Amino acid sequence: MDGDEDGTLDFSWASLIEPISADIFERDYFAKTPLHLKARNIPETGLATIAGWRAVLGGQALRVERHRTFVDIDPAINSSEPLAEELDALLETGGPLIINKIDTIHPVIQVMAAEITKGLCARTGVNAYISPHRKDAQDLHADDHEVLVMQLHGGKRWTIGSSIAKGMVASNLFKVDHE
C-alpha cells in the first residue's frame, strides 16, 4: 500500500478487514470467534529483509528468558547505533526473536496501530516475531486480551482460539500472557 501525495500512509481499519464491514466485525467476531482474512491491504513495512530489521533495531538490547530471545524496544535509542552482534546473528539465522513494542519506533507500524486503535476503540500494542521455517517464535500460550495477527512475510500455520488452548488455560497447564 502506498502513501498519499502528502507522504501520509494510506491505511485504515476498514481496508484491513475488507470485505467484512466494521459493523459485521463488531457484531459477529470481536471477542467471539476468530476471523481469518487473506489481507491484501497491508502497507509495505520494509521488514521483509534482514537489512530492514537491522535499520530498525540498531542499538537495541537483547533479553533472554528461558529459551526465548526478546528485544524490548527502547524508543529513546537512536537506530543508527550499531546492532548488537548477538542480535545480528539471530537476524541472519531467522531467529527465533520476539520484538516487543515495535510500534514505538517504526513509523508505518505506528500508523497501522493507531488506525486499528481507532477502528476497535481499544488500546493496541504491536509485537513482532521472527522465526525460521518450521520453528515457532512463541511457545503455546494464551493471551488474556484480544489478538490480531498480521503475517507480513513468509508463511506459518497459526492456531488461534483453539479449544485445546482454552482447556489448558482453564486447568492452569501453561502461562497466560498478560500484556
Foldseek 3Di string as FASTA:
>chain_A
DDADPVRHRDDAPQLQPPPDGLVCCVVPPVVPHDDDDPGPDQDDQQPQALVSVLQQCAPWDWDDDDHAIETEDDQVDHSVHHDDPVVSVCSVVFHQYKYWQSLSGGPSVVVVQVNVCVSVVHHDGDMDGTHDPPDDNDDDEAEPDDDDDDDDDDDDDDDPPDPVRVVCVVVVVDDYDYD
